Amino acid sequence: MPSVLIVCDIPDDEEENFWSHAERAMRRLGLTTSLACDGRDALVMGARESYDLVLVHPLLKTVTPKKMVAFFKARPVPPIVVLMVENGEPEVRQREAERLGAVGCAYYQQGVEGLAAQTARFLEPAEPR
């Protein structure tokens, strides 16, 4: 089963509820998930375990998203790193993700099921050319 690390600062019960629901939605799609409650927690978890994909919230307070992406890209087997964003123009958000070193964006404004489906698509094998 592919493994996913969700990295976000969890400020209150409402946010925690959203990320917990997102975690369950991803599990229903066959993904193994872990939730890091802040950037420092994610670095510790990433040093101990390997992940296939890391979802990084761009508004982390404890570690900048750029440092987070760099940390995971330097791992012996780097995971796919995806920036989680609320909304915005897809082209602008994609450029932002690439500037930080991530491969793309997943939009959580589409709810937990939408976020889970987008995450699963990043893990699908590339189409042969």
Foldseek 3Di string as FASTA:
>chain_A
DAEEEEADAQDDDVSVVQVVLLCVLLVVVVYHYDYQNALVSLLVVVVVDPGQEYEYECPGDPDHLLVSLVSQVPDPDRHQYEYEDADDDQVVQCVVCVVSPHRGYQHCVVGSNSSSVVVVVVVDDDDDD
